[in-house]
Amino acid sequence: MLKKRKILIPEPKSRFIRVKCNVCGNEQTLFDHATFPVRCLVCGTVIVAPTGGKAKLINAEIVRILG
């Protein structure tokens, strides 16, 4: 029953993630399918680059997956 219910109610594959900048240590929330390069709010380095699907983390590491 549970498997059938999961098929009937689809969930999105995208989600928000909390990342930490490797340069300055700042944490910020962003979308994992970002379509524009995301810069750190403190030091300004590019931490995420778009790839056409899931965004590629360049100078960041995932702290937590939200949702």
C-alpha atoms as a PDB file:
ATOM      1  CA  MET A   1       0.000   0.000   0.000  1.00  0.00           C
ATOM      2  CA  LEU A   2       2.787   2.418   0.859  1.00  0.00           C
ATOM      3  CA  LYS A   3       4.619   1.883  -2.432  1.00  0.00           C
ATOM      4  CA  LYS A   4       1.457   2.529  -4.444  1.00  0.00           C
ATOM      5  CA  ARG A   5       0.753   5.708  -2.474  1.00  0.00           C
ATOM      6  CA  LYS A   6       4.259   6.996  -3.166  1.00  0.00           C
ATOM      7  CA  ILE A   7       3.665   6.635  -6.908  1.00  0.00           C
ATOM      8  CA  LEU A   8       0.311   8.412  -6.747  1.00  0.00           C
ATOM      9  CA  ILE A   9       1.684  11.407  -4.839  1.00  0.00           C
ATOM     10  CA  PRO A  10       4.930  12.432  -6.555  1.00  0.00           C
ATOM     11  CA  GLU A  11       7.504  14.493  -4.692  1.00  0.00           C
ATOM     12  CA  PRO A  12       9.917  16.951  -6.304  1.00  0.00           C
ATOM     13  CA  LYS A  13      13.528  15.839  -6.749  1.00  0.00           C
ATOM     14  CA  SER A  14      14.841  19.323  -6.038  1.00  0.00           C
ATOM     15  CA  ARG A  15      15.311  20.770  -2.577  1.00  0.00           C
ATOM     16  CA  PHE A  16      16.980  23.522  -0.620  1.00  0.00           C
ATOM     17  CA  ILE A  17      20.376  22.871   0.935  1.00  0.00           C
ATOM     18  CA  ARG A  18      22.417  24.600   3.622  1.00  0.00           C
ATOM     19  CA  VAL A  19      26.036  24.997   2.490  1.00  0.00           C
ATOM     20  CA  LYS A  20      29.208  26.265   4.153  1.00  0.00           C
ATOM     21  CA  CYS A  21      31.765  28.324   2.236  1.00  0.00           C
ATOM     22  CA  ASN A  22      35.227  26.714   2.306  1.00  0.00           C
ATOM     23  CA  VAL A  23      36.966  30.107   2.119  1.00  0.00           C
ATOM     24  CA  CYS A  24      35.329  32.098   4.946  1.00  0.00           C
ATOM     25  CA  GLY A  25      33.083  29.561   6.728  1.00  0.00           C
ATOM     26  CA  ASN A  26      29.827  31.427   6.070  1.00  0.00           C
ATOM     27  CA  GLU A  27      26.672  29.271   5.919  1.00  0.00           C
ATOM     28  CA  GLN A  28      23.821  30.093   3.573  1.00  0.00           C
ATOM     29  CA  THR A  29      20.750  28.401   2.139  1.00  0.00           C
ATOM     30  CA  LEU A  30      20.394  27.841  -1.599  1.00  0.00           C
ATOM     31  CA  PHE A  31      18.517  25.793  -4.186  1.00  0.00           C
ATOM     32  CA  ASP A  32      20.256  22.616  -5.364  1.00  0.00           C
ATOM     33  CA  HIS A  33      19.101  23.137  -8.981  1.00  0.00           C
ATOM     34  CA  ALA A  34      20.383  26.732  -9.215  1.00  0.00           C
ATOM     35  CA  THR A  35      20.394  28.234 -12.723  1.00  0.00           C
ATOM     36  CA  PHE A  36      22.768  31.119 -11.926  1.00  0.00           C
ATOM     37  CA  PRO A  37      26.171  31.042 -10.213  1.00  0.00           C
ATOM     38  CA  VAL A  38      25.738  31.609  -6.470  1.00  0.00           C
ATOM     39  CA  ARG A  39      28.294  33.762  -4.662  1.00  0.00           C
ATOM     40  CA  CYS A  40      29.088  33.782  -0.956  1.00  0.00           C
ATOM     41  CA  LEU A  41      27.429  36.731   0.761  1.00  0.00           C
ATOM     42  CA  VAL A  42      30.527  37.500   2.858  1.00  0.00           C
ATOM     43  CA  CYS A  43      33.629  36.938   0.702  1.00  0.00           C
ATOM     44  CA  GLY A  44      32.066  36.950  -2.792  1.00  0.00           C
ATOM     45  CA  THR A  45      33.619  33.725  -4.120  1.00  0.00           C
ATOM     46  CA  VAL A  46      31.504  31.544  -6.398  1.00  0.00           C
ATOM     47  CA  ILE A  47      30.338  28.550  -4.355  1.00  0.00           C
ATOM     48  CA  VAL A  48      27.836  26.966  -6.767  1.00  0.00           C
ATOM     49  CA  ALA A  49      27.869  26.749 -10.566  1.00  0.00           C
ATOM     50  CA  PRO A  50      24.889  25.684 -12.717  1.00  0.00           C
ATOM     51  CA  THR A  51      25.243  22.531 -14.842  1.00  0.00           C
ATOM     52  CA  GLY A  52      21.844  22.231 -16.509  1.00  0.00           C
ATOM     53  CA  GLY A  53      20.516  19.937 -13.790  1.00  0.00           C
ATOM     54  CA  LYS A  54      21.807  19.803 -10.265  1.00  0.00           C
ATOM     55  CA  ALA A  55      24.156  22.645  -9.441  1.00  0.00           C
ATOM     56  CA  LYS A  56      27.819  21.779  -8.856  1.00  0.00           C
ATOM     57  CA  LEU A  57      29.380  22.795  -5.540  1.00  0.00           C
ATOM     58  CA  ILE A  58      32.749  24.450  -6.179  1.00  0.00           C
ATOM     59  CA  ASN A  59      34.003  26.074  -2.969  1.00  0.00           C
ATOM     60  CA  ALA A  60      31.392  24.742  -0.555  1.00  0.00           C
ATOM     61  CA  GLU A  61      30.309  21.685   1.366  1.00  0.00           C
ATOM     62  CA  ILE A  62      26.791  20.568   2.268  1.00  0.00           C
ATOM     63  CA  VAL A  63      25.941  21.087   5.931  1.00  0.00           C
ATOM     64  CA  ARG A  64      22.280  20.036   5.856  1.00  0.00           C
ATOM     65  CA  ILE A  65      19.568  19.111   3.368  1.00  0.00           C
ATOM     66  CA  LEU A  66      16.363  21.042   4.049  1.00  0.00           C
ATOM     67  CA  GLY A  67      13.042  19.509   3.046  1.00  0.00           C
END
